[in-house]
PDB file of N, CA and C in Angstrom:
ATOM      1  N   MET A   1      -0.152  36.034  60.764  1.00  0.00           N
ATOM      2  CA  MET A   1      -0.744  34.799  60.266  1.00  0.00           C
ATOM      3  C   MET A   1       0.078  33.600  60.717  1.00  0.00           C
ATOM      4  N   ALA A   2      -0.615  32.570  61.136  1.00  0.00           N
ATOM      5  CA  ALA A   2       0.067  31.339  61.546  1.00  0.00           C
ATOM      6  C   ALA A   2       0.444  30.548  60.299  1.00  0.00           C
ATOM      7  N   ARG A   3       1.577  29.882  60.362  1.00  0.00           N
ATOM      8  CA  ARG A   3       2.051  29.107  59.210  1.00  0.00           C
ATOM      9  C   ARG A   3       2.008  27.623  59.558  1.00  0.00           C
ATOM     10  N   VAL A   4       1.177  26.889  58.821  1.00  0.00           N
ATOM     11  CA  VAL A   4       1.027  25.447  59.030  1.00  0.00           C
ATOM     12  C   VAL A   4       1.144  24.766  57.676  1.00  0.00           C
ATOM     13  N   ALA A   5       1.983  23.751  57.576  1.00  0.00           N
ATOM     14  CA  ALA A   5       2.181  22.994  56.327  1.00  0.00           C
ATOM     15  C   ALA A   5       2.538  23.925  55.173  1.00  0.00           C
ATOM     16  N   SER A   6       3.401  24.876  55.435  1.00  0.00           N
ATOM     17  CA  SER A   6       3.877  25.881  54.475  1.00  0.00           C
ATOM     18  C   SER A   6       2.749  26.689  53.843  1.00  0.00           C
ATOM     19  N   VAL A   7       1.682  26.926  54.617  1.00  0.00           N
ATOM     20  CA  VAL A   7       0.565  27.757  54.173  1.00  0.00           C
ATOM     21  C   VAL A   7       0.231  28.727  55.305  1.00  0.00           C
ATOM     22  N   ASP A   8       0.016  29.984  54.948  1.00  0.00           N
ATOM     23  CA  ASP A   8      -0.431  30.959  55.943  1.00  0.00           C
ATOM     24  C   ASP A   8      -1.932  30.799  56.136  1.00  0.00           C
ATOM     25  N   ILE A   9      -2.341  30.426  57.346  1.00  0.00           N
ATOM     26  CA  ILE A   9      -3.773  30.304  57.602  1.00  0.00           C
ATOM     27  C   ILE A   9      -4.248  31.590  58.262  1.00  0.00           C
ATOM     28  N   PRO A  10      -5.456  32.044  57.933  1.00  0.00           N
ATOM     29  CA  PRO A  10      -5.937  33.345  58.422  1.00  0.00           C
ATOM     30  C   PRO A  10      -6.139  33.360  59.941  1.00  0.00           C
ATOM     31  N   ASN A  11      -5.750  34.456  60.565  1.00  0.00           N
ATOM     32  CA  ASN A  11      -5.846  34.608  62.021  1.00  0.00           C
ATOM     33  C   ASN A  11      -7.259  34.826  62.518  1.00  0.00           C
ATOM     34  N   ASN A  12      -8.079  35.515  61.745  1.00  0.00           N
ATOM     35  CA  ASN A  12      -9.388  35.926  62.237  1.00  0.00           C
ATOM     36  C   ASN A  12     -10.475  34.870  62.045  1.00  0.00           C
ATOM     37  N   LYS A  13     -10.108  33.672  61.612  1.00  0.00           N
ATOM     38  CA  LYS A  13     -11.099  32.608  61.412  1.00  0.00           C
ATOM     39  C   LYS A  13     -10.975  31.560  62.506  1.00  0.00           C
ATOM     40  N   GLN A  14     -12.035  30.765  62.656  1.00  0.00           N
ATOM     41  CA  GLN A  14     -11.998  29.659  63.605  1.00  0.00           C
ATOM     42  C   GLN A  14     -11.050  28.591  63.084  1.00  0.00           C
ATOM     43  N   CYS A  15     -10.435  27.852  63.997  1.00  0.00           N
ATOM     44  CA  CYS A  15      -9.452  26.819  63.621  1.00  0.00           C
ATOM     45  C   CYS A  15     -10.059  25.812  62.654  1.00  0.00           C
ATOM     46  N   PHE A  16     -11.307  25.427  62.921  1.00  0.00           N
ATOM     47  CA  PHE A  16     -12.003  24.440  62.112  1.00  0.00           C
ATOM     48  C   PHE A  16     -12.028  24.843  60.635  1.00  0.00           C
ATOM     49  N   ILE A  17     -12.275  26.113  60.361  1.00  0.00           N
ATOM     50  CA  ILE A  17     -12.349  26.623  58.993  1.00  0.00           C
ATOM     51  C   ILE A  17     -10.955  26.970  58.464  1.00  0.00           C
ATOM     52  N   ALA A  18     -10.111  27.536  59.302  1.00  0.00           N
ATOM     53  CA  ALA A  18      -8.788  27.987  58.864  1.00  0.00           C
ATOM     54  C   ALA A  18      -7.938  26.839  58.333  1.00  0.00           C
ATOM     55  N   LEU A  19      -8.054  25.651  58.923  1.00  0.00           N
ATOM     56  CA  LEU A  19      -7.249  24.516  58.466  1.00  0.00           C
ATOM     57  C   LEU A  19      -7.646  24.057  57.064  1.00  0.00           C
ATOM     58  N   THR A  20      -8.867  24.372  56.636  1.00  0.00           N
ATOM     59  CA  THR A  20      -9.296  23.966  55.291  1.00  0.00           C
ATOM     60  C   THR A  20      -8.616  24.790  54.199  1.00  0.00           C
ATOM     61  N   TYR A  21      -7.862  25.827  54.573  1.00  0.00           N
ATOM     62  CA  TYR A  21      -7.106  26.605  53.591  1.00  0.00           C
ATOM     63  C   TYR A  21      -5.888  25.824  53.090  1.00  0.00           C
ATOM     64  N   ILE A  22      -5.570  24.724  53.764  1.00  0.00           N
ATOM     65  CA  ILE A  22      -4.452  23.875  53.359  1.00  0.00           C
ATOM     66  C   ILE A  22      -4.968  22.868  52.345  1.00  0.00           C
ATOM     67  N   TYR A  23      -4.293  22.746  51.203  1.00  0.00           N
ATOM     68  CA  TYR A  23      -4.702  21.809  50.156  1.00  0.00           C
ATOM     69  C   TYR A  23      -4.601  20.386  50.697  1.00  0.00           C
ATOM     70  N   GLY A  24      -5.708  19.652  50.626  1.00  0.00           N
ATOM     71  CA  GLY A  24      -5.716  18.272  51.098  1.00  0.00           C
ATOM     72  C   GLY A  24      -6.394  18.111  52.442  1.00  0.00           C
ATOM     73  N   ILE A  25      -6.797  19.214  53.074  1.00  0.00           N
ATOM     74  CA  ILE A  25      -7.512  19.137  54.345  1.00  0.00           C
ATOM     75  C   ILE A  25      -8.870  19.800  54.170  1.00  0.00           C
ATOM     76  N   GLY A  26      -9.908  18.999  54.339  1.00  0.00           N
ATOM     77  CA  GLY A  26     -11.279  19.489  54.261  1.00  0.00           C
ATOM     78  C   GLY A  26     -11.853  19.639  55.659  1.00  0.00           C
ATOM     79  N   LYS A  27     -13.179  19.757  55.720  1.00  0.00           N
ATOM     80  CA  LYS A  27     -13.824  19.976  57.013  1.00  0.00           C
ATOM     81  C   LYS A  27     -13.705  18.760  57.922  1.00  0.00           C
ATOM     82  N   SER A  28     -13.890  17.549  57.368  1.00  0.00           N
ATOM     83  CA  SER A  28     -13.827  16.362  58.227  1.00  0.00           C
ATOM     84  C   SER A  28     -12.408  16.120  58.725  1.00  0.00           C
ATOM     85  N   SER A  29     -11.400  16.282  57.855  1.00  0.00           N
ATOM     86  CA  SER A  29     -10.003  16.111  58.282  1.00  0.00           C
ATOM     87  C   SER A  29      -9.648  17.163  59.328  1.00  0.00           C
ATOM     88  N   SER A  30     -10.134  18.368  59.140  1.00  0.00           N
ATOM     89  CA  SER A  30      -9.873  19.457  60.069  1.00  0.00           C
ATOM     90  C   SER A  30     -10.421  19.107  61.451  1.00  0.00           C
ATOM     91  N   ALA A  31     -11.628  18.553  61.492  1.00  0.00           N
ATOM     92  CA  ALA A  31     -12.237  18.173  62.765  1.00  0.00           C
ATOM     93  C   ALA A  31     -11.423  17.087  63.450  1.00  0.00           C
ATOM     94  N   VAL A  32     -10.955  16.096  62.683  1.00  0.00           N
ATOM     95  CA  VAL A  32     -10.144  15.004  63.238  1.00  0.00           C
ATOM     96  C   VAL A  32      -8.841  15.548  63.823  1.00  0.00           C
ATOM     97  N   ILE A  33      -8.194  16.447  63.099  1.00  0.00           N
ATOM     98  CA  ILE A  33      -6.924  17.037  63.556  1.00  0.00           C
ATOM     99  C   ILE A  33      -7.117  17.766  64.880  1.00  0.00           C
ATOM    100  N   LEU A  34      -8.186  18.565  64.969  1.00  0.00           N
ATOM    101  CA  LEU A  34      -8.413  19.348  66.179  1.00  0.00           C
ATOM    102  C   LEU A  34      -8.753  18.464  67.377  1.00  0.00           C
ATOM    103  N   VAL A  35      -9.482  17.369  67.149  1.00  0.00           N
ATOM    104  CA  VAL A  35      -9.795  16.446  68.247  1.00  0.00           C
ATOM    105  C   VAL A  35      -8.513  15.785  68.752  1.00  0.00           C
ATOM    106  N   LYS A  36      -7.656  15.342  67.822  1.00  0.00           N
ATOM    107  CA  LYS A  36      -6.398  14.706  68.215  1.00  0.00           C
ATOM    108  C   LYS A  36      -5.483  15.680  68.955  1.00  0.00           C
ATOM    109  N   ALA A  37      -5.524  16.947  68.548  1.00  0.00           N
ATOM    110  CA  ALA A  37      -4.682  17.956  69.190  1.00  0.00           C
ATOM    111  C   ALA A  37      -5.284  18.455  70.495  1.00  0.00           C
ATOM    112  N   GLY A  38      -6.553  18.126  70.737  1.00  0.00           N
ATOM    113  CA  GLY A  38      -7.213  18.569  71.967  1.00  0.00           C
ATOM    114  C   GLY A  38      -7.531  20.047  71.968  1.00  0.00           C
ATOM    115  N   ILE A  39      -7.919  20.563  70.799  1.00  0.00           N
ATOM    116  CA  ILE A  39      -8.214  21.990  70.653  1.00  0.00           C
ATOM    117  C   ILE A  39      -9.666  22.146  70.241  1.00  0.00           C
ATOM    118  N   GLU A  40     -10.329  23.132  70.798  1.00  0.00           N
ATOM    119  CA  GLU A  40     -11.720  23.395  70.449  1.00  0.00           C
ATOM    120  C   GLU A  40     -11.776  24.011  69.053  1.00  0.00           C
ATOM    121  N   GLY A  41     -12.683  23.528  68.211  1.00  0.00           N
ATOM    122  CA  GLY A  41     -12.754  23.965  66.816  1.00  0.00           C
ATOM    123  C   GLY A  41     -13.199  25.394  66.634  1.00  0.00           C
ATOM    124  N   THR A  42     -13.956  25.918  67.612  1.00  0.00           N
ATOM    125  CA  THR A  42     -14.468  27.280  67.475  1.00  0.00           C
ATOM    126  C   THR A  42     -13.465  28.339  67.926  1.00  0.00           C
ATOM    127  N   LYS A  43     -12.339  27.913  68.448  1.00  0.00           N
ATOM    128  CA  LYS A  43     -11.307  28.851  68.902  1.00  0.00           C
ATOM    129  C   LYS A  43     -10.662  29.528  67.691  1.00  0.00           C
ATOM    130  N   LYS A  44     -10.430  30.828  67.797  1.00  0.00           N
ATOM    131  CA  LYS A  44      -9.803  31.562  66.696  1.00  0.00           C
ATOM    132  C   LYS A  44      -8.317  31.242  66.620  1.00  0.00           C
ATOM    133  N   VAL A  45      -7.758  31.319  65.421  1.00  0.00           N
ATOM    134  CA  VAL A  45      -6.341  31.004  65.211  1.00  0.00           C
ATOM    135  C   VAL A  45      -5.449  31.963  65.988  1.00  0.00           C
ATOM    136  N   LYS A  46      -5.836  33.237  66.057  1.00  0.00           N
ATOM    137  CA  LYS A  46      -5.001  34.221  66.758  1.00  0.00           C
ATOM    138  C   LYS A  46      -4.929  33.945  68.262  1.00  0.00           C
ATOM    139  N   ASP A  47      -5.907  33.177  68.790  1.00  0.00           N
ATOM    140  CA  ASP A  47      -5.922  32.856  70.216  1.00  0.00           C
ATOM    141  C   ASP A  47      -5.148  31.579  70.554  1.00  0.00           C
ATOM    142  N   LEU A  48      -4.642  30.875  69.539  1.00  0.00           N
ATOM    143  CA  LEU A  48      -3.901  29.637  69.773  1.00  0.00           C
ATOM    144  C   LEU A  48      -2.506  29.945  70.309  1.00  0.00           C
ATOM    145  N   SER A  49      -2.054  29.130  71.240  1.00  0.00           N
ATOM    146  CA  SER A  49      -0.686  29.286  71.739  1.00  0.00           C
ATOM    147  C   SER A  49       0.270  28.616  70.751  1.00  0.00           C
ATOM    148  N   GLU A  50       1.551  28.899  70.899  1.00  0.00           N
ATOM    149  CA  GLU A  50       2.559  28.318  70.003  1.00  0.00           C
ATOM    150  C   GLU A  50       2.621  26.802  70.191  1.00  0.00           C
ATOM    151  N   GLU A  51       2.385  26.348  71.407  1.00  0.00           N
ATOM    152  CA  GLU A  51       2.397  24.910  71.691  1.00  0.00           C
ATOM    153  C   GLU A  51       1.233  24.198  70.980  1.00  0.00           C
ATOM    154  N   GLU A  52       0.060  24.834  70.956  1.00  0.00           N
ATOM    155  CA  GLU A  52      -1.101  24.251  70.265  1.00  0.00           C
ATOM    156  C   GLU A  52      -0.857  24.198  68.756  1.00  0.00           C
ATOM    157  N   LEU A  53      -0.258  25.250  68.214  1.00  0.00           N
ATOM    158  CA  LEU A  53       0.076  25.258  66.789  1.00  0.00           C
ATOM    159  C   LEU A  53       1.079  24.158  66.456  1.00  0.00           C
ATOM    160  N   ASP A  54       2.046  23.934  67.345  1.00  0.00           N
ATOM    161  CA  ASP A  54       3.025  22.867  67.138  1.00  0.00           C
ATOM    162  C   ASP A  54       2.354  21.501  67.109  1.00  0.00           C
ATOM    163  N   ARG A  55       1.366  21.295  67.997  1.00  0.00           N
ATOM    164  CA  ARG A  55       0.636  20.019  68.001  1.00  0.00           C
ATOM    165  C   ARG A  55      -0.092  19.808  66.682  1.00  0.00           C
ATOM    166  N   ILE A  56      -0.724  20.871  66.176  1.00  0.00           N
ATOM    167  CA  ILE A  56      -1.436  20.781  64.889  1.00  0.00           C
ATOM    168  C   ILE A  56      -0.452  20.472  63.775  1.00  0.00           C
ATOM    169  N   ARG A  57       0.680  21.188  63.745  1.00  0.00           N
ATOM    170  CA  ARG A  57       1.697  20.953  62.710  1.00  0.00           C
ATOM    171  C   ARG A  57       2.194  19.513  62.729  1.00  0.00           C
ATOM    172  N   ARG A  58       2.461  18.999  63.933  1.00  0.00           N
ATOM    173  CA  ARG A  58       2.970  17.641  64.082  1.00  0.00           C
ATOM    174  C   ARG A  58       1.971  16.607  63.552  1.00  0.00           C
ATOM    175  N   ILE A  59       0.697  16.786  63.896  1.00  0.00           N
ATOM    176  CA  ILE A  59      -0.335  15.849  63.443  1.00  0.00           C
ATOM    177  C   ILE A  59      -0.455  15.880  61.931  1.00  0.00           C
ATOM    178  N   ILE A  60      -0.459  17.069  61.343  1.00  0.00           N
ATOM    179  CA  ILE A  60      -0.583  17.189  59.884  1.00  0.00           C
ATOM    180  C   ILE A  60       0.625  16.572  59.194  1.00  0.00           C
ATOM    181  N   ASP A  61       1.831  16.846  59.694  1.00  0.00           N
ATOM    182  CA  ASP A  61       3.040  16.304  59.070  1.00  0.00           C
ATOM    183  C   ASP A  61       3.097  14.782  59.126  1.00  0.00           C
ATOM    184  N   ASN A  62       2.671  14.197  60.254  1.00  0.00           N
ATOM    185  CA  ASN A  62       2.790  12.754  60.442  1.00  0.00           C
ATOM    186  C   ASN A  62       1.665  11.948  59.797  1.00  0.00           C
ATOM    187  N   GLU A  63       0.457  12.492  59.751  1.00  0.00           N
ATOM    188  CA  GLU A  63      -0.697  11.675  59.383  1.00  0.00           C
ATOM    189  C   GLU A  63      -1.392  12.071  58.084  1.00  0.00           C
ATOM    190  N   PHE A  64      -1.062  13.215  57.518  1.00  0.00           N
ATOM    191  CA  PHE A  64      -1.779  13.673  56.323  1.00  0.00           C
ATOM    192  C   PHE A  64      -0.806  14.015  55.210  1.00  0.00           C
ATOM    193  N   GLN A  65      -1.262  13.791  53.989  1.00  0.00           N
ATOM    194  CA  GLN A  65      -0.486  14.188  52.824  1.00  0.00           C
ATOM    195  C   GLN A  65      -1.106  15.488  52.322  1.00  0.00           C
ATOM    196  N   THR A  66      -0.315  16.556  52.259  1.00  0.00           N
ATOM    197  CA  THR A  66      -0.875  17.866  51.905  1.00  0.00           C
ATOM    198  C   THR A  66      -0.007  18.570  50.875  1.00  0.00           C
ATOM    199  N   GLU A  67      -0.574  19.644  50.336  1.00  0.00           N
ATOM    200  CA  GLU A  67       0.111  20.554  49.420  1.00  0.00           C
ATOM    201  C   GLU A  67       0.893  19.859  48.311  1.00  0.00           C
ATOM    202  N   GLY A  68       2.190  20.119  48.188  1.00  0.00           N
ATOM    203  CA  GLY A  68       3.001  19.644  47.070  1.00  0.00           C
ATOM    204  C   GLY A  68       3.049  18.134  46.945  1.00  0.00           C
ATOM    205  N   ASN A  69       3.186  17.421  48.069  1.00  0.00           N
ATOM    206  CA  ASN A  69       3.225  15.965  48.026  1.00  0.00           C
ATOM    207  C   ASN A  69       1.934  15.390  47.467  1.00  0.00           C
ATOM    208  N   LEU A  70       0.803  15.919  47.921  1.00  0.00           N
ATOM    209  CA  LEU A  70      -0.501  15.437  47.461  1.00  0.00           C
ATOM    210  C   LEU A  70      -0.700  15.749  45.978  1.00  0.00           C
ATOM    211  N   ARG A  71      -0.313  16.950  45.572  1.00  0.00           N
ATOM    212  CA  ARG A  71      -0.457  17.328  44.156  1.00  0.00           C
ATOM    213  C   ARG A  71       0.372  16.413  43.261  1.00  0.00           C
ATOM    214  N   SER A  72       1.607  16.120  43.663  1.00  0.00           N
ATOM    215  CA  SER A  72       2.461  15.258  42.838  1.00  0.00           C
ATOM    216  C   SER A  72       1.923  13.827  42.814  1.00  0.00           C
ATOM    217  N   THR A  73       1.390  13.351  43.925  1.00  0.00           N
ATOM    218  CA  THR A  73       0.790  12.010  43.963  1.00  0.00           C
ATOM    219  C   THR A  73      -0.402  11.928  43.023  1.00  0.00           C
ATOM    220  N   MET A  74      -1.249  12.957  43.043  1.00  0.00           N
ATOM    221  CA  MET A  74      -2.421  12.984  42.159  1.00  0.00           C
ATOM    222  C   MET A  74      -1.978  12.993  40.689  1.00  0.00           C
ATOM    223  N   ARG A  75      -0.959  13.804  40.386  1.00  0.00           N
ATOM    224  CA  ARG A  75      -0.443  13.881  39.026  1.00  0.00           C
ATOM    225  C   ARG A  75       0.101  12.529  38.566  1.00  0.00           C
ATOM    226  N   MET A  76       0.826  11.845  39.462  1.00  0.00           N
ATOM    227  CA  MET A  76       1.385  10.531  39.135  1.00  0.00           C
ATOM    228  C   MET A  76       0.290   9.498  38.917  1.00  0.00           C
ATOM    229  N   ASN A  77      -0.792   9.557  39.712  1.00  0.00           N
ATOM    230  CA  ASN A  77      -1.908   8.621  39.544  1.00  0.00           C
ATOM    231  C   ASN A  77      -2.570   8.798  38.185  1.00  0.00           C
ATOM    232  N   ILE A  78      -2.777  10.049  37.777  1.00  0.00           N
ATOM    233  CA  ILE A  78      -3.392  10.319  36.478  1.00  0.00           C
ATOM    234  C   ILE A  78      -2.460   9.891  35.353  1.00  0.00           C
ATOM    235  N   LYS A  79      -1.160  10.146  35.515  1.00  0.00           N
ATOM    236  CA  LYS A  79      -0.181   9.728  34.507  1.00  0.00           C
ATOM    237  C   LYS A  79      -0.162   8.206  34.365  1.00  0.00           C
ATOM    238  N   ARG A  80      -0.264   7.500  35.490  1.00  0.00           N
ATOM    239  CA  ARG A  80      -0.294   6.038  35.463  1.00  0.00           C
ATOM    240  C   ARG A  80      -1.506   5.542  34.679  1.00  0.00           C
ATOM    241  N   LEU A  81      -2.669   6.152  34.912  1.00  0.00           N
ATOM    242  CA  LEU A  81      -3.879   5.768  34.185  1.00  0.00           C
ATOM    243  C   LEU A  81      -3.702   5.986  32.685  1.00  0.00           C
ATOM    244  N   MET A  82      -3.057   7.101  32.305  1.00  0.00           N
ATOM    245  CA  MET A  82      -2.851   7.386  30.885  1.00  0.00           C
ATOM    246  C   MET A  82      -1.849   6.408  30.276  1.00  0.00           C
ATOM    247  N   ASP A  83      -0.816   6.050  31.031  1.00  0.00           N
ATOM    248  CA  ASP A  83       0.210   5.138  30.515  1.00  0.00           C
ATOM    249  C   ASP A  83      -0.325   3.738  30.273  1.00  0.00           C
ATOM    250  N   ILE A  84      -1.180   3.243  31.163  1.00  0.00           N
ATOM    251  CA  ILE A  84      -1.692   1.888  30.964  1.00  0.00           C
ATOM    252  C   ILE A  84      -2.827   1.853  29.948  1.00  0.00           C
ATOM    253  N   GLY A  85      -3.321   3.016  29.563  1.00  0.00           N
ATOM    254  CA  GLY A  85      -4.310   3.101  28.481  1.00  0.00           C
ATOM    255  C   GLY A  85      -5.706   2.661  28.878  1.00  0.00           C
ATOM    256  N   CYS A  86      -6.048   2.759  30.155  1.00  0.00           N
ATOM    257  CA  CYS A  86      -7.396   2.390  30.568  1.00  0.00           C
ATOM    258  C   CYS A  86      -8.378   3.494  30.147  1.00  0.00           C
ATOM    259  N   TYR A  87      -9.652   3.208  30.306  1.00  0.00           N
ATOM    260  CA  TYR A  87     -10.696   4.137  29.862  1.00  0.00           C
ATOM    261  C   TYR A  87     -10.534   5.501  30.526  1.00  0.00           C
ATOM    262  N   ARG A  88     -10.367   5.512  31.841  1.00  0.00           N
ATOM    263  CA  ARG A  88     -10.219   6.792  32.542  1.00  0.00           C
ATOM    264  C   ARG A  88      -8.988   7.540  32.067  1.00  0.00           C
ATOM    265  N   GLY A  89      -7.902   6.822  31.764  1.00  0.00           N
ATOM    266  CA  GLY A  89      -6.691   7.456  31.261  1.00  0.00           C
ATOM    267  C   GLY A  89      -6.912   8.101  29.907  1.00  0.00           C
ATOM    268  N   LEU A  90      -7.670   7.405  29.044  1.00  0.00           N
ATOM    269  CA  LEU A  90      -7.974   7.962  27.715  1.00  0.00           C
ATOM    270  C   LEU A  90      -8.816   9.224  27.851  1.00  0.00           C
ATOM    271  N   ARG A  91      -9.772   9.216  28.776  1.00  0.00           N
ATOM    272  CA  ARG A  91     -10.615  10.397  28.984  1.00  0.00           C
ATOM    273  C   ARG A  91      -9.776  11.575  29.485  1.00  0.00           C
ATOM    274  N   HIS A  92      -8.821  11.303  30.371  1.00  0.00           N
ATOM    275  CA  HIS A  92      -7.931  12.372  30.843  1.00  0.00           C
ATOM    276  C   HIS A  92      -7.097  12.904  29.687  1.00  0.00           C
ATOM    277  N   ARG A  93      -6.592  12.009  28.867  1.00  0.00           N
ATOM    278  CA  ARG A  93      -5.738  12.411  27.746  1.00  0.00           C
ATOM    279  C   ARG A  93      -6.498  13.299  26.770  1.00  0.00           C
ATOM    280  N   ARG A  94      -7.775  12.987  26.536  1.00  0.00           N
ATOM    281  CA  ARG A  94      -8.582  13.767  25.581  1.00  0.00           C
ATOM    282  C   ARG A  94      -9.224  14.996  26.210  1.00  0.00           C
ATOM    283  N   GLY A  95      -9.103  15.137  27.523  1.00  0.00           N
ATOM    284  CA  GLY A  95      -9.691  16.296  28.203  1.00  0.00           C
ATOM    285  C   GLY A  95     -11.191  16.216  28.310  1.00  0.00           C
ATOM    286  N   LEU A  96     -11.722  15.009  28.484  1.00  0.00           N
ATOM    287  CA  LEU A  96     -13.161  14.799  28.618  1.00  0.00           C
ATOM    288  C   LEU A  96     -13.478  14.311  30.026  1.00  0.00           C
ATOM    289  N   PRO A  97     -14.749  14.368  30.437  1.00  0.00           N
ATOM    290  CA  PRO A  97     -15.097  13.881  31.773  1.00  0.00           C
ATOM    291  C   PRO A  97     -14.761  12.397  31.919  1.00  0.00           C
ATOM    292  N   ALA A  98     -14.225  12.017  33.068  1.00  0.00           N
ATOM    293  CA  ALA A  98     -13.741  10.651  33.259  1.00  0.00           C
ATOM    294  C   ALA A  98     -14.732   9.758  34.002  1.00  0.00           C
ATOM    295  N   ASN A  99     -15.786  10.322  34.564  1.00  0.00           N
ATOM    296  CA  ASN A  99     -16.651   9.532  35.437  1.00  0.00           C
ATOM    297  C   ASN A  99     -18.045   9.286  34.877  1.00  0.00           C
ATOM    298  N   GLY A 100     -18.201   9.196  33.578  1.00  0.00           N
ATOM    299  CA  GLY A 100     -19.476   8.796  32.989  1.00  0.00           C
ATOM    300  C   GLY A 100     -20.486   9.902  32.765  1.00  0.00           C
ATOM    301  N   GLN A 101     -20.095  11.163  32.880  1.00  0.00           N
ATOM    302  CA  GLN A 101     -21.044  12.237  32.634  1.00  0.00           C
ATOM    303  C   GLN A 101     -21.316  12.349  31.137  1.00  0.00           C
ATOM    304  N   ARG A 102     -22.451  12.928  30.801  1.00  0.00           N
ATOM    305  CA  ARG A 102     -22.788  13.099  29.391  1.00  0.00           C
ATOM    306  C   ARG A 102     -21.945  14.209  28.778  1.00  0.00           C
ATOM    307  N   THR A 103     -21.677  14.099  27.484  1.00  0.00           N
ATOM    308  CA  THR A 103     -20.860  15.117  26.822  1.00  0.00           C
ATOM    309  C   THR A 103     -21.560  15.756  25.636  1.00  0.00           C
ATOM    310  N   ARG A 104     -22.735  15.242  25.256  1.00  0.00           N
ATOM    311  CA  ARG A 104     -23.441  15.848  24.125  1.00  0.00           C
ATOM    312  C   ARG A 104     -23.808  17.292  24.456  1.00  0.00           C
ATOM    313  N   THR A 105     -24.297  17.493  25.667  1.00  0.00           N
ATOM    314  CA  THR A 105     -24.479  18.858  26.178  1.00  0.00           C
ATOM    315  C   THR A 105     -23.697  18.928  27.477  1.00  0.00           C
ATOM    316  N   ASN A 106     -23.461  20.097  27.948  1.00  0.00           N
ATOM    317  CA  ASN A 106     -22.704  20.321  29.193  1.00  0.00           C
ATOM    318  C   ASN A 106     -21.244  19.891  29.048  1.00  0.00           C
ATOM    319  N   ALA A 107     -20.588  19.558  30.119  1.00  0.00           N
ATOM    320  CA  ALA A 107     -19.162  19.184  30.162  1.00  0.00           C
ATOM    321  C   ALA A 107     -18.256  20.308  29.657  1.00  0.00           C
ATOM    322  N   ARG A 108     -18.702  21.558  29.768  1.00  0.00           N
ATOM    323  CA  ARG A 108     -17.901  22.669  29.251  1.00  0.00           C
ATOM    324  C   ARG A 108     -16.658  22.895  30.114  1.00  0.00           C
ATOM    325  N   THR A 109     -16.697  22.522  31.380  1.00  0.00           N
ATOM    326  CA  THR A 109     -15.531  22.715  32.236  1.00  0.00           C
ATOM    327  C   THR A 109     -14.354  21.908  31.700  1.00  0.00           C
ATOM    328  N   ARG A 110     -14.584  20.658  31.329  1.00  0.00           N
ATOM    329  CA  ARG A 110     -13.511  19.812  30.824  1.00  0.00           C
ATOM    330  C   ARG A 110     -13.197  20.091  29.357  1.00  0.00           C
ATOM    331  N   LYS A 111     -14.215  20.360  28.557  1.00  0.00           N
ATOM    332  CA  LYS A 111     -14.009  20.519  27.115  1.00  0.00           C
ATOM    333  C   LYS A 111     -13.516  21.908  26.734  1.00  0.00           C
ATOM    334  N   GLY A 112     -13.730  22.884  27.592  1.00  0.00           N
ATOM    335  CA  GLY A 112     -13.308  24.245  27.297  1.00  0.00           C
ATOM    336  C   GLY A 112     -14.387  25.008  26.555  1.00  0.00           C
ATOM    337  N   PRO A 113     -14.095  26.232  26.139  1.00  0.00           N
ATOM    338  CA  PRO A 113     -15.102  27.036  25.442  1.00  0.00           C
ATOM    339  C   PRO A 113     -15.500  26.398  24.113  1.00  0.00           C
ATOM    340  N   ARG A 114     -16.725  26.668  23.692  1.00  0.00           N
ATOM    341  CA  ARG A 114     -17.223  26.100  22.438  1.00  0.00           C
ATOM    342  C   ARG A 114     -16.411  26.600  21.253  1.00  0.00           C
ATOM    343  N   ARG A 115     -16.155  25.698  20.309  1.00  0.00           N
ATOM    344  CA  ARG A 115     -15.483  26.075  19.067  1.00  0.00           C
ATOM    345  C   ARG A 115     -16.512  25.992  17.955  1.00  0.00           C
ATOM    346  N   THR A 116     -16.726  27.093  17.264  1.00  0.00           N
ATOM    347  CA  THR A 116     -17.732  27.098  16.196  1.00  0.00           C
ATOM    348  C   THR A 116     -17.195  26.353  14.980  1.00  0.00           C
ATOM    349  N   ILE A 117     -18.096  25.692  14.291  1.00  0.00           N
ATOM    350  CA  ILE A 117     -17.732  24.916  13.106  1.00  0.00           C
ATOM    351  C   ILE A 117     -18.037  25.761  11.879  1.00  0.00           C
ATOM    352  N   ALA A 118     -17.084  25.818  10.947  1.00  0.00           N
ATOM    353  CA  ALA A 118     -17.247  26.661   9.750  1.00  0.00           C
ATOM    354  C   ALA A 118     -18.399  26.155   8.874  1.00  0.00           C
ATOM    355  N   ASN A 119     -19.062  27.073   8.174  1.00  0.00           N
ATOM    356  CA  ASN A 119     -20.152  26.796   7.236  1.00  0.00           C
ATOM    357  C   ASN A 119     -21.340  26.103   7.884  1.00  0.00           C
ATOM    358  N   LYS A 120     -21.600  26.384   9.112  1.00  0.00           N
ATOM    359  CA  LYS A 120     -22.753  25.778   9.754  1.00  0.00           C
ATOM    360  C   LYS A 120     -23.734  26.869  10.158  1.00  0.00           C
ATOM    361  N   LYS A 121     -23.876  27.883   9.288  1.00  0.00           N
ATOM    362  CA  LYS A 121     -24.798  28.957   9.566  1.00  0.00           C
ATOM    363  C   LYS A 121     -26.184  28.559   9.058  1.00  0.00           C
ATOM    364  N   LYS A 122     -27.211  29.194   9.650  1.00  0.00           N
ATOM    365  CA  LYS A 122     -28.566  28.915   9.214  1.00  0.00           C
ATOM    366  C   LYS A 122     -28.778  29.479   7.805  1.00  0.00           C
ATOM    367  N   ALA A 123     -29.570  28.771   7.016  1.00  0.00           N
ATOM    368  CA  ALA A 123     -29.880  29.255   5.671  1.00  0.00           C
ATOM    369  C   ALA A 123     -30.770  30.486   5.790  1.00  0.00           C
ATOM    370  N   PRO A 124     -30.560  31.501   4.921  1.00  0.00           N
ATOM    371  CA  PRO A 124     -31.386  32.720   5.000  1.00  0.00           C
ATOM    372  C   PRO A 124     -32.841  32.402   4.625  1.00  0.00           C
ATOM    373  N   ALA A 125     -33.770  33.033   5.311  1.00  0.00           N
ATOM    374  CA  ALA A 125     -35.207  32.813   5.040  1.00  0.00           C
ATOM    375  C   ALA A 125     -35.576  33.445   3.709  1.00  0.00           C
ATOM    376  N   LYS A 126     -36.418  32.756   2.927  1.00  0.00           N
ATOM    377  CA  LYS A 126     -36.809  33.261   1.607  1.00  0.00           C
ATOM    378  C   LYS A 126     -38.079  34.042   1.645  1.00  0.00           C
TER     379      LYS A 126
END
């Protein structure tokens, strides 16, 4: 397996897809990287020479924020929002959706599993 940005990217995949295994690089960033490096996107990772891998590594290191650096930046941005007490920060603090989605129904990803409320059972039929 080739190692790029401290991540092992799979050998049997095309370069275009394999680079998306790195946190912070999606399909469009992957395409930009490969064009700058002068590498065809459909080429398999196992077929890349060491020089081509070095070009990819250099471009990613110089122009993109990935993995740990990106995660810490994201964490700091959310912490900043919570510290200044803006609406989005309050939503993050309470674990609710921050971008205006409805919460009466849905939003289970942010709110977590349903918690049942005591004494809210249906009355028995007479």
